[in-house]
Amino acid sequence: MKFRDNKIYNLALTGIFAALITIFTAYIGHFPVGVNGGYVHFGDGLIYLAATMLPMPYAMAAGAIGGGIADLLTAPAWTLATVIIKALLVIPFTSKGDTILNKRNLAAPIIAYFISHTGYFIAEAIMFGVQAAFFSGLTGGLVQSGGSMVFFLLLGQTLDKVHFKSKVVATNG
């Protein structure tokens, strides 16, 4: 069976990733920063992982749903922006290939940082003004994206050593 082409399998894996993203965003490694309700978390690292294992529409859904639910639970004002931004974070990644870490996926977290930083800067500028967005984004965005990148790289390296992707997302071909 080609799991990668199976819609039910991909939906189930999307749900699992959405749940993990919610938990790792809202509760595990969740550290509030600034005065505008933002926080640092490891959920983006799991969005990156989902983007390396699922076809893009499914990975986008996992990121949007997981991040959106986490914000509904912890910082509801950010939910709409988060749903859009987290869906966009998967674009630089590829799910093609037998490993999680490849040339494209090693560079992708850096591009994802710019997507995230720009998206949240725009959202914060709309909500609190450009000056607040500028000062808040200098620290929180860099720490958030840097931590998620390190988490993703360590997780990807570990999972690649045990051939996790080929076991979970088998393509038989």
Protein backbone atom coordinates (compact mmCIF):
# COMPACT_ATOMS: atom_id res chain seq x y z
CA MET A 1 0.00 0.00 0.00
CA LYS A 2 1.24 3.47 -0.81
CA PHE A 3 0.57 5.31 2.45
CA ARG A 4 1.64 8.65 0.99
CA ASP A 5 -1.20 8.50 -1.56
CA ASN A 6 -3.82 7.30 0.92
CA LYS A 7 -6.11 10.20 1.89
CA ILE A 8 -7.39 8.55 5.07
CA TYR A 9 -3.85 7.80 6.23
CA ASN A 10 -2.76 11.37 5.47
CA LEU A 11 -5.79 12.77 7.33
CA ALA A 12 -5.02 10.60 10.35
CA LEU A 13 -1.36 11.66 10.34
CA THR A 14 -2.48 15.29 9.95
CA GLY A 15 -4.66 14.93 13.05
CA ILE A 16 -1.79 13.41 15.02
CA PHE A 17 0.52 16.25 13.99
CA ALA A 18 -2.14 18.88 14.77
CA ALA A 19 -2.52 17.43 18.28
CA LEU A 20 1.25 17.32 18.84
CA ILE A 21 1.65 20.86 17.52
CA THR A 22 -1.09 22.05 19.90
CA ILE A 23 0.54 20.39 22.91
CA PHE A 24 4.08 21.53 22.07
CA THR A 25 2.86 25.06 21.37
CA ALA A 26 0.50 25.57 24.29
CA TYR A 27 2.08 23.51 27.04
CA ILE A 28 5.49 21.92 26.46
CA GLY A 29 8.24 24.51 26.48
CA HIS A 30 5.69 27.37 26.48
CA PHE A 31 7.32 30.59 27.73
CA PRO A 32 5.45 33.94 27.64
CA VAL A 33 7.44 36.89 26.23
CA GLY A 34 6.61 40.56 26.02
CA VAL A 35 3.45 42.30 27.08
CA ASN A 36 1.36 41.62 23.98
CA GLY A 37 0.42 38.00 24.73
CA GLY A 38 3.15 36.36 22.65
CA TYR A 39 5.08 33.32 23.74
CA VAL A 40 8.00 31.11 22.76
CA HIS A 41 7.36 27.40 22.15
CA PHE A 42 8.58 24.31 20.27
CA GLY A 43 5.44 23.77 18.21
CA ASP A 44 6.96 25.23 15.05
CA GLY A 45 9.56 22.46 15.11
CA LEU A 46 6.72 19.97 14.79
CA ILE A 47 5.16 22.02 11.99
CA TYR A 48 8.50 21.70 10.19
CA LEU A 49 8.50 17.94 10.83
CA ALA A 50 4.94 17.63 9.50
CA ALA A 51 6.03 19.54 6.39
CA THR A 52 8.75 16.96 5.74
CA MET A 53 6.41 14.00 6.10
CA LEU A 54 3.04 15.06 4.70
CA PRO A 55 1.97 16.43 1.32
CA MET A 56 1.76 20.23 1.50
CA PRO A 57 -2.03 20.69 1.92
CA TYR A 58 -2.06 18.25 4.84
CA ALA A 59 1.00 19.82 6.45
CA MET A 60 -0.58 23.27 6.07
CA ALA A 61 -3.73 21.99 7.78
CA ALA A 62 -1.75 20.40 10.63
CA GLY A 63 0.16 23.64 11.25
CA ALA A 64 -2.91 25.88 11.02
CA ILE A 65 -5.12 23.66 13.18
CA GLY A 66 -2.45 22.88 15.79
CA GLY A 67 -1.23 26.46 16.09
CA GLY A 68 -4.78 27.84 15.99
CA ILE A 69 -6.03 25.59 18.78
CA ALA A 70 -2.95 26.40 20.88
CA ASP A 71 -3.68 30.11 20.54
CA LEU A 72 -7.35 29.61 21.34
CA LEU A 73 -6.20 27.95 24.56
CA THR A 74 -3.47 30.44 25.51
CA ALA A 75 -3.61 33.73 23.53
CA PRO A 76 -6.91 33.97 21.61
CA ALA A 77 -6.21 37.41 20.12
CA TRP A 78 -3.50 35.85 17.96
CA THR A 79 -5.58 32.96 16.56
CA LEU A 80 -6.42 34.35 13.12
CA ALA A 81 -2.87 35.50 12.42
CA THR A 82 -1.47 32.20 13.69
CA VAL A 83 -3.73 30.08 11.49
CA ILE A 84 -2.52 31.94 8.40
CA ILE A 85 1.15 32.12 9.38
CA LYS A 86 1.49 28.51 10.53
CA ALA A 87 -0.05 27.27 7.27
CA LEU A 88 2.52 29.32 5.34
CA LEU A 89 5.47 27.98 7.36
CA VAL A 90 5.40 24.66 5.51
CA ILE A 91 6.01 26.17 2.05
CA PRO A 92 9.85 26.13 2.13
CA PHE A 93 9.97 22.44 3.15
CA THR A 94 9.67 19.31 1.04
CA SER A 95 8.16 15.97 1.96
CA LYS A 96 9.78 14.25 -1.00
CA GLY A 97 12.66 11.89 -0.35
CA ASP A 98 13.41 9.17 2.14
CA THR A 99 14.82 11.37 4.93
CA ILE A 100 13.59 14.27 6.99
CA LEU A 101 16.81 16.23 6.70
CA ASN A 102 17.97 17.02 3.17
CA LYS A 103 19.45 20.13 1.56
CA ARG A 104 16.12 21.88 1.16
CA ASN A 105 14.88 21.03 4.66
CA LEU A 106 18.13 22.22 6.23
CA ALA A 107 17.63 25.69 4.70
CA ALA A 108 13.84 25.77 5.11
CA PRO A 109 13.74 26.79 8.81
CA ILE A 110 15.64 29.97 7.94
CA ILE A 111 13.07 30.86 5.28
CA ALA A 112 10.29 29.88 7.69
CA TYR A 113 11.75 32.36 10.20
CA PHE A 114 11.27 35.20 7.73
CA ILE A 115 7.72 34.07 6.96
CA SER A 116 6.88 33.89 10.67
CA HIS A 117 8.64 37.10 11.60
CA THR A 118 7.03 39.07 8.78
CA GLY A 119 3.58 37.62 9.43
CA TYR A 120 3.64 38.33 13.16
CA PHE A 121 5.15 41.78 12.60
CA ILE A 122 2.21 42.66 10.33
CA ALA A 123 -0.31 41.20 12.79
CA GLU A 124 1.25 42.99 15.75
CA ALA A 125 1.47 46.27 13.84
CA ILE A 126 -2.26 46.02 13.09
CA MET A 127 -3.10 45.11 16.70
CA PHE A 128 -0.67 47.30 18.67
CA GLY A 129 1.06 49.67 16.27
CA VAL A 130 4.32 49.55 14.32
CA GLN A 131 6.53 50.69 17.20
CA ALA A 132 5.30 47.94 19.53
CA ALA A 133 5.67 45.39 16.72
CA PHE A 134 9.23 46.47 16.05
CA PHE A 135 10.43 46.19 19.65
CA SER A 136 8.52 43.02 20.44
CA GLY A 137 9.60 41.24 17.26
CA LEU A 138 13.30 41.83 17.79
CA THR A 139 13.58 39.33 20.62
CA GLY A 140 10.62 36.98 20.62
CA GLY A 141 10.69 36.11 16.92
CA LEU A 142 14.37 35.32 16.83
CA VAL A 143 14.28 33.21 19.99
CA GLN A 144 11.10 31.44 18.84
CA SER A 145 12.38 30.56 15.38
CA GLY A 146 15.89 29.73 16.56
CA GLY A 147 14.62 27.35 19.23
CA SER A 148 12.22 25.69 16.81
CA MET A 149 14.98 25.29 14.24
CA VAL A 150 17.32 23.61 16.73
CA PHE A 151 14.49 21.37 17.98
CA PHE A 152 13.58 20.37 14.39
CA LEU A 153 17.20 19.66 13.41
CA LEU A 154 17.85 17.52 16.50
CA LEU A 155 14.54 15.69 16.11
CA GLY A 156 15.08 15.20 12.37
CA GLN A 157 18.60 13.87 12.89
CA THR A 158 17.41 11.43 15.55
CA LEU A 159 14.43 10.23 13.51
CA ASP A 160 16.57 9.84 10.37
CA LYS A 161 18.96 7.57 12.28
CA VAL A 162 16.12 5.12 12.91
CA HIS A 163 14.66 5.56 9.39
CA PHE A 164 11.42 6.89 10.89
CA LYS A 165 10.14 8.51 7.71
CA SER A 166 10.45 5.38 5.61
CA LYS A 167 8.54 3.45 8.29
CA VAL A 168 5.73 5.99 8.79
CA VAL A 169 5.36 7.43 5.31
CA ALA A 170 6.08 4.36 3.20
CA THR A 171 5.79 4.92 -0.53
CA ASN A 172 6.85 1.48 -1.84
CA GLY A 173 8.59 2.96 -4.73
